[in-house]
């Protein structure tokens, strides 16, 4: 397997799929904030307007990157937060799927 650099960027959700794929820096100190920025951007709000991340998810995102597993394990976590189904892997690849209407529509 080649160690090509991952292109950092975000795909905009399409009208049909409501799926965003992006990559965050797999740094345990910034990963949770980076993820919250993605959700806040999708919702059109500031991070402080989102539900409590720690009540919903605790520190699992931070733990994923604190002691990264072997790449052979292909570790990923999936959880629901603020109306999105979020999947992240040990490299920082993120997939966000809308499972309800945006907060602004409620």
PDB file of N, CA and C in Angstrom:
ATOM      1  N   UNK A   1       0.839  -1.165   0.000  1.00  0.00           N
ATOM      2  CA  UNK A   1       0.000   0.000   0.000  1.00  0.00           C
ATOM      3  C   UNK A   1       0.890   1.235   0.000  1.00  0.00           C
ATOM      4  N   UNK A   2       0.612   2.208  -0.839  1.00  0.00           N
ATOM      5  CA  UNK A   2       1.430   3.402  -0.944  1.00  0.00           C
ATOM      6  C   UNK A   2       1.053   4.397   0.138  1.00  0.00           C
ATOM      7  N   UNK A   3       2.016   5.217   0.527  1.00  0.00           N
ATOM      8  CA  UNK A   3       1.777   6.258   1.513  1.00  0.00           C
ATOM      9  C   UNK A   3       1.581   7.597   0.823  1.00  0.00           C
ATOM     10  N   UNK A   4       0.621   7.668  -0.078  1.00  0.00           N
ATOM     11  CA  UNK A   4       0.338   8.924  -0.753  1.00  0.00           C
ATOM     12  C   UNK A   4      -0.303   9.877   0.238  1.00  0.00           C
ATOM     13  N   UNK A   5       0.036  11.162   0.142  1.00  0.00           N
ATOM     14  CA  UNK A   5      -0.601  12.118   1.038  1.00  0.00           C
ATOM     15  C   UNK A   5      -2.093  12.188   0.732  1.00  0.00           C
ATOM     16  N   UNK A   6      -2.881  12.320   1.777  1.00  0.00           N
ATOM     17  CA  UNK A   6      -4.326  12.421   1.626  1.00  0.00           C
ATOM     18  C   UNK A   6      -4.669  13.866   1.326  1.00  0.00           C
ATOM     19  N   UNK A   7      -5.482  14.073   0.327  1.00  0.00           N
ATOM     20  CA  UNK A   7      -5.917  15.419   0.001  1.00  0.00           C
ATOM     21  C   UNK A   7      -6.925  15.855   1.055  1.00  0.00           C
ATOM     22  N   UNK A   8      -6.618  16.935   1.734  1.00  0.00           N
ATOM     23  CA  UNK A   8      -7.498  17.452   2.780  1.00  0.00           C
ATOM     24  C   UNK A   8      -8.536  18.343   2.111  1.00  0.00           C
ATOM     25  N   UNK A   9      -9.783  18.110   2.382  1.00  0.00           N
ATOM     26  CA  UNK A   9     -10.826  18.926   1.799  1.00  0.00           C
ATOM     27  C   UNK A   9     -12.173  18.354   2.141  1.00  0.00           C
ATOM     28  N   UNK A  10     -13.191  19.044   1.721  1.00  0.00           N
ATOM     29  CA  UNK A  10     -14.534  18.644   2.068  1.00  0.00           C
ATOM     30  C   UNK A  10     -15.379  18.605   0.819  1.00  0.00           C
ATOM     31  N   UNK A  11     -16.175  17.566   0.702  1.00  0.00           N
ATOM     32  CA  UNK A  11     -17.134  17.522  -0.390  1.00  0.00           C
ATOM     33  C   UNK A  11     -18.451  18.074   0.127  1.00  0.00           C
ATOM     34  N   UNK A  12     -19.118  18.831  -0.680  1.00  0.00           N
ATOM     35  CA  UNK A  12     -20.406  19.375  -0.282  1.00  0.00           C
ATOM     36  C   UNK A  12     -21.478  18.300  -0.443  1.00  0.00           C
ATOM     37  N   UNK A  13     -22.467  18.294   0.460  1.00  0.00           N
ATOM     38  CA  UNK A  13     -23.503  17.285   0.337  1.00  0.00           C
ATOM     39  C   UNK A  13     -24.337  17.512  -0.912  1.00  0.00           C
ATOM     40  N   UNK A  14     -24.704  16.434  -1.562  1.00  0.00           N
ATOM     41  CA  UNK A  14     -25.581  16.568  -2.717  1.00  0.00           C
ATOM     42  C   UNK A  14     -27.021  16.562  -2.228  1.00  0.00           C
ATOM     43  N   UNK A  15     -27.915  17.057  -3.037  1.00  0.00           N
ATOM     44  CA  UNK A  15     -29.319  17.095  -2.658  1.00  0.00           C
ATOM     45  C   UNK A  15     -29.872  15.695  -2.401  1.00  0.00           C
ATOM     46  N   UNK A  16     -29.393  14.703  -3.138  1.00  0.00           N
ATOM     47  CA  UNK A  16     -29.926  13.352  -2.998  1.00  0.00           C
ATOM     48  C   UNK A  16     -29.311  12.596  -1.831  1.00  0.00           C
ATOM     49  N   UNK A  17     -27.990  12.695  -1.651  1.00  0.00           N
ATOM     50  CA  UNK A  17     -27.330  11.826  -0.693  1.00  0.00           C
ATOM     51  C   UNK A  17     -27.185  12.421   0.699  1.00  0.00           C
ATOM     52  N   UNK A  18     -27.027  13.717   0.811  1.00  0.00           N
ATOM     53  CA  UNK A  18     -26.783  14.352   2.106  1.00  0.00           C
ATOM     54  C   UNK A  18     -25.602  13.711   2.809  1.00  0.00           C
ATOM     55  N   UNK A  19     -24.552  13.435   2.046  1.00  0.00           N
ATOM     56  CA  UNK A  19     -23.342  12.826   2.570  1.00  0.00           C
ATOM     57  C   UNK A  19     -22.168  13.773   2.324  1.00  0.00           C
ATOM     58  N   UNK A  20     -21.368  13.986   3.354  1.00  0.00           N
ATOM     59  CA  UNK A  20     -20.157  14.788   3.235  1.00  0.00           C
ATOM     60  C   UNK A  20     -18.988  13.899   3.613  1.00  0.00           C
ATOM     61  N   UNK A  21     -17.959  13.915   2.787  1.00  0.00           N
ATOM     62  CA  UNK A  21     -16.715  13.200   3.086  1.00  0.00           C
ATOM     63  C   UNK A  21     -15.616  14.241   3.192  1.00  0.00           C
ATOM     64  N   UNK A  22     -14.826  14.107   4.231  1.00  0.00           N
ATOM     65  CA  UNK A  22     -13.737  15.050   4.458  1.00  0.00           C
ATOM     66  C   UNK A  22     -12.658  14.350   5.267  1.00  0.00           C
ATOM     67  N   UNK A  23     -11.583  15.045   5.515  1.00  0.00           N
ATOM     68  CA  UNK A  23     -10.497  14.508   6.320  1.00  0.00           C
ATOM     69  C   UNK A  23     -10.086  15.558   7.329  1.00  0.00           C
ATOM     70  N   UNK A  24      -9.913  15.136   8.567  1.00  0.00           N
ATOM     71  CA  UNK A  24      -9.403  16.021   9.604  1.00  0.00           C
ATOM     72  C   UNK A  24      -8.022  15.537  10.024  1.00  0.00           C
ATOM     73  N   UNK A  25      -7.296  16.407  10.672  1.00  0.00           N
ATOM     74  CA  UNK A  25      -5.986  16.034  11.195  1.00  0.00           C
ATOM     75  C   UNK A  25      -6.201  15.057  12.347  1.00  0.00           C
ATOM     76  N   UNK A  26      -5.589  13.878  12.308  1.00  0.00           N
ATOM     77  CA  UNK A  26      -5.798  12.895  13.381  1.00  0.00           C
ATOM     78  C   UNK A  26      -5.018  13.251  14.647  1.00  0.00           C
ATOM     79  N   UNK A  27      -5.208  14.449  15.127  1.00  0.00           N
ATOM     80  CA  UNK A  27      -4.552  14.946  16.335  1.00  0.00           C
ATOM     81  C   UNK A  27      -5.571  14.915  17.472  1.00  0.00           C
ATOM     82  N   UNK A  28      -5.287  14.193  18.566  1.00  0.00           N
ATOM     83  CA  UNK A  28      -6.262  14.088  19.650  1.00  0.00           C
ATOM     84  C   UNK A  28      -6.605  15.440  20.286  1.00  0.00           C
ATOM     85  N   UNK A  29      -5.741  16.435  20.145  1.00  0.00           N
ATOM     86  CA  UNK A  29      -5.998  17.745  20.747  1.00  0.00           C
ATOM     87  C   UNK A  29      -6.970  18.596  19.924  1.00  0.00           C
ATOM     88  N   UNK A  30      -7.082  18.316  18.623  1.00  0.00           N
ATOM     89  CA  UNK A  30      -7.908  19.170  17.760  1.00  0.00           C
ATOM     90  C   UNK A  30      -9.036  18.425  17.042  1.00  0.00           C
ATOM     91  N   UNK A  31      -9.016  17.108  17.046  1.00  0.00           N
ATOM     92  CA  UNK A  31      -9.964  16.330  16.233  1.00  0.00           C
ATOM     93  C   UNK A  31     -11.422  16.599  16.602  1.00  0.00           C
ATOM     94  N   UNK A  32     -11.734  16.657  17.893  1.00  0.00           N
ATOM     95  CA  UNK A  32     -13.123  16.891  18.287  1.00  0.00           C
ATOM     96  C   UNK A  32     -13.592  18.265  17.830  1.00  0.00           C
ATOM     97  N   UNK A  33     -12.761  19.275  17.993  1.00  0.00           N
ATOM     98  CA  UNK A  33     -13.126  20.623  17.549  1.00  0.00           C
ATOM     99  C   UNK A  33     -13.295  20.659  16.034  1.00  0.00           C
ATOM    100  N   UNK A  34     -12.398  20.012  15.314  1.00  0.00           N
ATOM    101  CA  UNK A  34     -12.505  19.959  13.852  1.00  0.00           C
ATOM    102  C   UNK A  34     -13.815  19.311  13.424  1.00  0.00           C
ATOM    103  N   UNK A  35     -14.193  18.242  14.104  1.00  0.00           N
ATOM    104  CA  UNK A  35     -15.446  17.565  13.789  1.00  0.00           C
ATOM    105  C   UNK A  35     -16.640  18.471  14.097  1.00  0.00           C
ATOM    106  N   UNK A  36     -16.592  19.171  15.223  1.00  0.00           N
ATOM    107  CA  UNK A  36     -17.678  20.087  15.563  1.00  0.00           C
ATOM    108  C   UNK A  36     -17.796  21.213  14.537  1.00  0.00           C
ATOM    109  N   UNK A  37     -16.680  21.679  14.002  1.00  0.00           N
ATOM    110  CA  UNK A  37     -16.724  22.709  12.950  1.00  0.00           C
ATOM    111  C   UNK A  37     -17.446  22.191  11.710  1.00  0.00           C
ATOM    112  N   UNK A  38     -17.210  20.945  11.360  1.00  0.00           N
ATOM    113  CA  UNK A  38     -17.882  20.352  10.192  1.00  0.00           C
ATOM    114  C   UNK A  38     -19.387  20.338  10.407  1.00  0.00           C
ATOM    115  N   UNK A  39     -19.824  19.843  11.570  1.00  0.00           N
ATOM    116  CA  UNK A  39     -21.262  19.769  11.853  1.00  0.00           C
ATOM    117  C   UNK A  39     -21.862  21.171  11.935  1.00  0.00           C
ATOM    118  N   UNK A  40     -21.183  22.092  12.591  1.00  0.00           N
ATOM    119  CA  UNK A  40     -21.689  23.462  12.689  1.00  0.00           C
ATOM    120  C   UNK A  40     -21.838  24.089  11.304  1.00  0.00           C
ATOM    121  N   UNK A  41     -20.860  23.867  10.434  1.00  0.00           N
ATOM    122  CA  UNK A  41     -20.953  24.384   9.060  1.00  0.00           C
ATOM    123  C   UNK A  41     -22.163  23.807   8.338  1.00  0.00           C
ATOM    124  N   UNK A  42     -22.380  22.509   8.498  1.00  0.00           N
ATOM    125  CA  UNK A  42     -23.527  21.867   7.845  1.00  0.00           C
ATOM    126  C   UNK A  42     -24.846  22.417   8.378  1.00  0.00           C
ATOM    127  N   UNK A  43     -24.858  22.736   9.669  1.00  0.00           N
ATOM    128  CA  UNK A  43     -26.073  23.252  10.299  1.00  0.00           C
ATOM    129  C   UNK A  43     -26.246  24.754  10.096  1.00  0.00           C
ATOM    130  N   UNK A  44     -25.175  25.434   9.703  1.00  0.00           N
ATOM    131  CA  UNK A  44     -25.257  26.880   9.551  1.00  0.00           C
ATOM    132  C   UNK A  44     -25.314  27.606  10.890  1.00  0.00           C
ATOM    133  N   UNK A  45     -24.651  27.035  11.901  1.00  0.00           N
ATOM    134  CA  UNK A  45     -24.638  27.628  13.234  1.00  0.00           C
ATOM    135  C   UNK A  45     -23.194  27.690  13.738  1.00  0.00           C
ATOM    136  N   UNK A  46     -23.005  28.337  14.883  1.00  0.00           N
ATOM    137  CA  UNK A  46     -21.700  28.315  15.538  1.00  0.00           C
ATOM    138  C   UNK A  46     -21.652  27.088  16.449  1.00  0.00           C
ATOM    139  N   UNK A  47     -20.464  26.655  16.778  1.00  0.00           N
ATOM    140  CA  UNK A  47     -20.280  25.429  17.575  1.00  0.00           C
ATOM    141  C   UNK A  47     -21.068  25.480  18.876  1.00  0.00           C
ATOM    142  N   UNK A  48     -21.128  26.631  19.524  1.00  0.00           N
ATOM    143  CA  UNK A  48     -21.831  26.751  20.810  1.00  0.00           C
ATOM    144  C   UNK A  48     -23.324  26.450  20.705  1.00  0.00           C
ATOM    145  N   UNK A  49     -23.881  26.490  19.507  1.00  0.00           N
ATOM    146  CA  UNK A  49     -25.309  26.219  19.324  1.00  0.00           C
ATOM    147  C   UNK A  49     -25.601  24.732  19.125  1.00  0.00           C
ATOM    148  N   UNK A  50     -24.567  23.911  19.009  1.00  0.00           N
ATOM    149  CA  UNK A  50     -24.745  22.467  18.846  1.00  0.00           C
ATOM    150  C   UNK A  50     -25.007  21.808  20.195  1.00  0.00           C
ATOM    151  N   UNK A  51     -25.629  20.621  20.191  1.00  0.00           N
ATOM    152  CA  UNK A  51     -25.793  19.882  21.451  1.00  0.00           C
ATOM    153  C   UNK A  51     -24.426  19.544  22.046  1.00  0.00           C
ATOM    154  N   UNK A  52     -24.418  19.291  23.346  1.00  0.00           N
ATOM    155  CA  UNK A  52     -23.164  18.951  24.020  1.00  0.00           C
ATOM    156  C   UNK A  52     -22.543  17.704  23.403  1.00  0.00           C
ATOM    157  N   UNK A  53     -21.326  17.850  22.892  1.00  0.00           N
ATOM    158  CA  UNK A  53     -20.631  16.726  22.278  1.00  0.00           C
ATOM    159  C   UNK A  53     -20.269  15.678  23.322  1.00  0.00           C
ATOM    160  N   UNK A  54     -19.852  16.120  24.496  1.00  0.00           N
ATOM    161  CA  UNK A  54     -19.410  15.171  25.524  1.00  0.00           C
ATOM    162  C   UNK A  54     -20.570  14.374  26.100  1.00  0.00           C
ATOM    163  N   UNK A  55     -21.755  14.968  26.182  1.00  0.00           N
ATOM    164  CA  UNK A  55     -22.926  14.231  26.640  1.00  0.00           C
ATOM    165  C   UNK A  55     -23.286  13.133  25.653  1.00  0.00           C
ATOM    166  N   UNK A  56     -23.136  13.427  24.370  1.00  0.00           N
ATOM    167  CA  UNK A  56     -23.522  12.485  23.326  1.00  0.00           C
ATOM    168  C   UNK A  56     -22.444  11.451  23.009  1.00  0.00           C
ATOM    169  N   UNK A  57     -21.176  11.883  22.952  1.00  0.00           N
ATOM    170  CA  UNK A  57     -20.115  11.037  22.402  1.00  0.00           C
ATOM    171  C   UNK A  57     -18.980  10.785  23.394  1.00  0.00           C
ATOM    172  N   UNK A  58     -18.891  11.580  24.454  1.00  0.00           N
ATOM    173  CA  UNK A  58     -17.813  11.484  25.434  1.00  0.00           C
ATOM    174  C   UNK A  58     -16.480  11.800  24.748  1.00  0.00           C
ATOM    175  N   UNK A  59     -15.427  11.078  25.034  1.00  0.00           N
ATOM    176  CA  UNK A  59     -14.098  11.369  24.481  1.00  0.00           C
ATOM    177  C   UNK A  59     -13.656  10.314  23.466  1.00  0.00           C
ATOM    178  N   UNK A  60     -14.574   9.639  22.822  1.00  0.00           N
ATOM    179  CA  UNK A  60     -14.199   8.553  21.917  1.00  0.00           C
ATOM    180  C   UNK A  60     -13.403   9.023  20.708  1.00  0.00           C
ATOM    181  N   UNK A  61     -13.707  10.204  20.189  1.00  0.00           N
ATOM    182  CA  UNK A  61     -12.950  10.722  19.046  1.00  0.00           C
ATOM    183  C   UNK A  61     -11.511  10.982  19.478  1.00  0.00           C
ATOM    184  N   UNK A  62     -11.341  11.638  20.607  1.00  0.00           N
ATOM    185  CA  UNK A  62     -10.006  11.906  21.139  1.00  0.00           C
ATOM    186  C   UNK A  62      -9.243  10.597  21.363  1.00  0.00           C
ATOM    187  N   UNK A  63      -9.911   9.601  21.946  1.00  0.00           N
ATOM    188  CA  UNK A  63      -9.256   8.323  22.228  1.00  0.00           C
ATOM    189  C   UNK A  63      -8.828   7.593  20.954  1.00  0.00           C
ATOM    190  N   UNK A  64      -9.590   7.731  19.875  1.00  0.00           N
ATOM    191  CA  UNK A  64      -9.234   7.088  18.617  1.00  0.00           C
ATOM    192  C   UNK A  64      -7.854   7.535  18.140  1.00  0.00           C
ATOM    193  N   UNK A  65      -7.542   8.813  18.358  1.00  0.00           N
ATOM    194  CA  UNK A  65      -6.285   9.358  17.858  1.00  0.00           C
ATOM    195  C   UNK A  65      -5.182   9.425  18.908  1.00  0.00           C
ATOM    196  N   UNK A  66      -5.520   9.281  20.182  1.00  0.00           N
ATOM    197  CA  UNK A  66      -4.515   9.352  21.241  1.00  0.00           C
ATOM    198  C   UNK A  66      -3.510   8.210  21.161  1.00  0.00           C
ATOM    199  N   UNK A  67      -4.007   7.014  21.035  1.00  0.00           N
ATOM    200  CA  UNK A  67      -3.170   5.818  20.907  1.00  0.00           C
ATOM    201  C   UNK A  67      -3.623   5.090  19.656  1.00  0.00           C
ATOM    202  N   UNK A  68      -3.222   5.583  18.488  1.00  0.00           N
ATOM    203  CA  UNK A  68      -3.746   5.011  17.248  1.00  0.00           C
ATOM    204  C   UNK A  68      -3.464   3.515  17.146  1.00  0.00           C
ATOM    205  N   UNK A  69      -4.457   2.767  16.709  1.00  0.00           N
ATOM    206  CA  UNK A  69      -4.258   1.336  16.509  1.00  0.00           C
ATOM    207  C   UNK A  69      -3.384   1.084  15.287  1.00  0.00           C
ATOM    208  N   UNK A  70      -2.991  -0.136  15.127  1.00  0.00           N
ATOM    209  CA  UNK A  70      -2.217  -0.533  13.954  1.00  0.00           C
ATOM    210  C   UNK A  70      -3.048  -0.261  12.699  1.00  0.00           C
ATOM    211  N   UNK A  71      -2.429   0.262  11.640  1.00  0.00           N
ATOM    212  CA  UNK A  71      -3.163   0.459  10.388  1.00  0.00           C
ATOM    213  C   UNK A  71      -3.824  -0.824   9.885  1.00  0.00           C
ATOM    214  N   UNK A  72      -3.244  -1.967  10.228  1.00  0.00           N
ATOM    215  CA  UNK A  72      -3.827  -3.236   9.798  1.00  0.00           C
ATOM    216  C   UNK A  72      -5.217  -3.464  10.399  1.00  0.00           C
ATOM    217  N   UNK A  73      -5.492  -2.829  11.525  1.00  0.00           N
ATOM    218  CA  UNK A  73      -6.802  -3.012  12.163  1.00  0.00           C
ATOM    219  C   UNK A  73      -7.910  -2.261  11.429  1.00  0.00           C
ATOM    220  N   UNK A  74      -7.529  -1.237  10.654  1.00  0.00           N
ATOM    221  CA  UNK A  74      -8.492  -0.407   9.931  1.00  0.00           C
ATOM    222  C   UNK A  74      -9.608   0.078  10.865  1.00  0.00           C
ATOM    223  N   UNK A  75      -9.219   0.546  12.047  1.00  0.00           N
ATOM    224  CA  UNK A  75     -10.151   0.981  13.084  1.00  0.00           C
ATOM    225  C   UNK A  75     -10.989   2.163  12.626  1.00  0.00           C
ATOM    226  N   UNK A  76     -12.276   2.100  12.914  1.00  0.00           N
ATOM    227  CA  UNK A  76     -13.164   3.226  12.687  1.00  0.00           C
ATOM    228  C   UNK A  76     -14.231   3.217  13.760  1.00  0.00           C
ATOM    229  N   UNK A  77     -14.801   4.396  14.008  1.00  0.00           N
ATOM    230  CA  UNK A  77     -15.910   4.509  14.936  1.00  0.00           C
ATOM    231  C   UNK A  77     -17.072   5.153  14.193  1.00  0.00           C
ATOM    232  N   UNK A  78     -18.268   4.780  14.591  1.00  0.00           N
ATOM    233  CA  UNK A  78     -19.475   5.339  14.003  1.00  0.00           C
ATOM    234  C   UNK A  78     -20.419   5.698  15.146  1.00  0.00           C
ATOM    235  N   UNK A  79     -20.990   6.894  15.074  1.00  0.00           N
ATOM    236  CA  UNK A  79     -21.909   7.338  16.119  1.00  0.00           C
ATOM    237  C   UNK A  79     -22.876   8.355  15.526  1.00  0.00           C
ATOM    238  N   UNK A  80     -23.953   8.606  16.246  1.00  0.00           N
ATOM    239  CA  UNK A  80     -24.924   9.623  15.848  1.00  0.00           C
ATOM    240  C   UNK A  80     -24.719  10.859  16.704  1.00  0.00           C
ATOM    241  N   UNK A  81     -24.812  12.022  16.063  1.00  0.00           N
ATOM    242  CA  UNK A  81     -24.668  13.289  16.774  1.00  0.00           C
ATOM    243  C   UNK A  81     -25.384  14.383  15.989  1.00  0.00           C
ATOM    244  N   UNK A  82     -26.253  15.108  16.653  1.00  0.00           N
ATOM    245  CA  UNK A  82     -26.925  16.297  16.104  1.00  0.00           C
ATOM    246  C   UNK A  82     -27.622  16.024  14.774  1.00  0.00           C
ATOM    247  N   UNK A  83     -28.186  14.842  14.636  1.00  0.00           N
ATOM    248  CA  UNK A  83     -28.913  14.514  13.413  1.00  0.00           C
ATOM    249  C   UNK A  83     -28.049  13.984  12.286  1.00  0.00           C
ATOM    250  N   UNK A  84     -26.822  13.605  12.585  1.00  0.00           N
ATOM    251  CA  UNK A  84     -25.904  13.061  11.591  1.00  0.00           C
ATOM    252  C   UNK A  84     -25.360  11.721  12.074  1.00  0.00           C
ATOM    253  N   UNK A  85     -25.118  10.843  11.144  1.00  0.00           N
ATOM    254  CA  UNK A  85     -24.421   9.581  11.411  1.00  0.00           C
ATOM    255  C   UNK A  85     -22.996   9.802  10.945  1.00  0.00           C
ATOM    256  N   UNK A  86     -22.058   9.746  11.869  1.00  0.00           N
ATOM    257  CA  UNK A  86     -20.665  10.119  11.598  1.00  0.00           C
ATOM    258  C   UNK A  86     -19.778   8.888  11.718  1.00  0.00           C
ATOM    259  N   UNK A  87     -18.956   8.670  10.707  1.00  0.00           N
ATOM    260  CA  UNK A  87     -17.972   7.589  10.723  1.00  0.00           C
ATOM    261  C   UNK A  87     -16.602   8.210  10.542  1.00  0.00           C
ATOM    262  N   UNK A  88     -15.672   7.827  11.421  1.00  0.00           N
ATOM    263  CA  UNK A  88     -14.300   8.329  11.362  1.00  0.00           C
ATOM    264  C   UNK A  88     -13.358   7.147  11.439  1.00  0.00           C
ATOM    265  N   UNK A  89     -12.225   7.240  10.743  1.00  0.00           N
ATOM    266  CA  UNK A  89     -11.227   6.178  10.880  1.00  0.00           C
ATOM    267  C   UNK A  89      -9.939   6.738  11.465  1.00  0.00           C
ATOM    268  N   UNK A  90      -8.996   5.848  11.717  1.00  0.00           N
ATOM    269  CA  UNK A  90      -7.751   6.200  12.398  1.00  0.00           C
ATOM    270  C   UNK A  90      -6.885   7.182  11.611  1.00  0.00           C
ATOM    271  N   UNK A  91      -7.142   7.345  10.310  1.00  0.00           N
ATOM    272  CA  UNK A  91      -6.375   8.290   9.489  1.00  0.00           C
ATOM    273  C   UNK A  91      -6.954   9.697   9.530  1.00  0.00           C
ATOM    274  N   UNK A  92      -8.188   9.830  10.039  1.00  0.00           N
ATOM    275  CA  UNK A  92      -8.854  11.125  10.053  1.00  0.00           C
ATOM    276  C   UNK A  92      -9.868  11.284   8.943  1.00  0.00           C
ATOM    277  N   UNK A  93     -10.133  10.216   8.193  1.00  0.00           N
ATOM    278  CA  UNK A  93     -11.172  10.271   7.163  1.00  0.00           C
ATOM    279  C   UNK A  93     -12.536  10.288   7.849  1.00  0.00           C
ATOM    280  N   UNK A  94     -13.390  11.200   7.413  1.00  0.00           N
ATOM    281  CA  UNK A  94     -14.686  11.403   8.053  1.00  0.00           C
ATOM    282  C   UNK A  94     -15.785  11.318   6.996  1.00  0.00           C
ATOM    283  N   UNK A  95     -16.854  10.625   7.347  1.00  0.00           N
ATOM    284  CA  UNK A  95     -18.060  10.577   6.515  1.00  0.00           C
ATOM    285  C   UNK A  95     -19.218  11.020   7.399  1.00  0.00           C
ATOM    286  N   UNK A  96     -19.958  12.030   6.941  1.00  0.00           N
ATOM    287  CA  UNK A  96     -21.079  12.576   7.694  1.00  0.00           C
ATOM    288  C   UNK A  96     -22.339  12.398   6.849  1.00  0.00           C
ATOM    289  N   UNK A  97     -23.312  11.692   7.387  1.00  0.00           N
ATOM    290  CA  UNK A  97     -24.557  11.419   6.684  1.00  0.00           C
ATOM    291  C   UNK A  97     -25.710  12.063   7.456  1.00  0.00           C
ATOM    292  N   UNK A  98     -26.467  12.913   6.781  1.00  0.00           N
ATOM    293  CA  UNK A  98     -27.633  13.537   7.423  1.00  0.00           C
ATOM    294  C   UNK A  98     -28.705  12.476   7.618  1.00  0.00           C
ATOM    295  N   UNK A  99     -29.195  12.354   8.850  1.00  0.00           N
ATOM    296  CA  UNK A  99     -30.268  11.399   9.129  1.00  0.00           C
ATOM    297  C   UNK A  99     -31.549  12.108   9.570  1.00  0.00           C
ATOM    298  N   UNK A 100     -31.501  13.436   9.632  1.00  0.00           N
ATOM    299  CA  UNK A 100     -32.696  14.236   9.908  1.00  0.00           C
ATOM    300  C   UNK A 100     -32.522  15.603   9.279  1.00  0.00           C
ATOM    301  N   UNK A 101     -33.555  16.397   9.320  1.00  0.00           N
ATOM    302  CA  UNK A 101     -33.473  17.751   8.784  1.00  0.00           C
ATOM    303  C   UNK A 101     -32.486  18.590   9.597  1.00  0.00           C
ATOM    304  N   UNK A 102     -31.843  19.589   8.967  1.00  0.00           N
ATOM    305  CA  UNK A 102     -30.940  20.470   9.685  1.00  0.00           C
ATOM    306  C   UNK A 102     -31.658  21.166  10.839  1.00  0.00           C
ATOM    307  N   UNK A 103     -30.920  21.526  11.883  1.00  0.00           N
ATOM    308  CA  UNK A 103     -31.482  22.186  13.063  1.00  0.00           C
ATOM    309  C   UNK A 103     -32.230  23.456  12.678  1.00  0.00           C
ATOM    310  N   UNK A 104     -31.762  24.190  11.686  1.00  0.00           N
ATOM    311  CA  UNK A 104     -32.377  25.453  11.268  1.00  0.00           C
ATOM    312  C   UNK A 104     -33.779  25.240  10.718  1.00  0.00           C
ATOM    313  N   UNK A 105     -34.088  24.034  10.218  1.00  0.00           N
ATOM    314  CA  UNK A 105     -35.397  23.747   9.654  1.00  0.00           C
ATOM    315  C   UNK A 105     -36.416  23.349  10.716  1.00  0.00           C
ATOM    316  N   UNK A 106     -35.970  23.143  11.926  1.00  0.00           N
ATOM    317  CA  UNK A 106     -36.885  22.662  12.984  1.00  0.00           C
ATOM    318  C   UNK A 106     -37.559  23.808  13.678  1.00  0.00           C
TER     319      UNK A 106
END
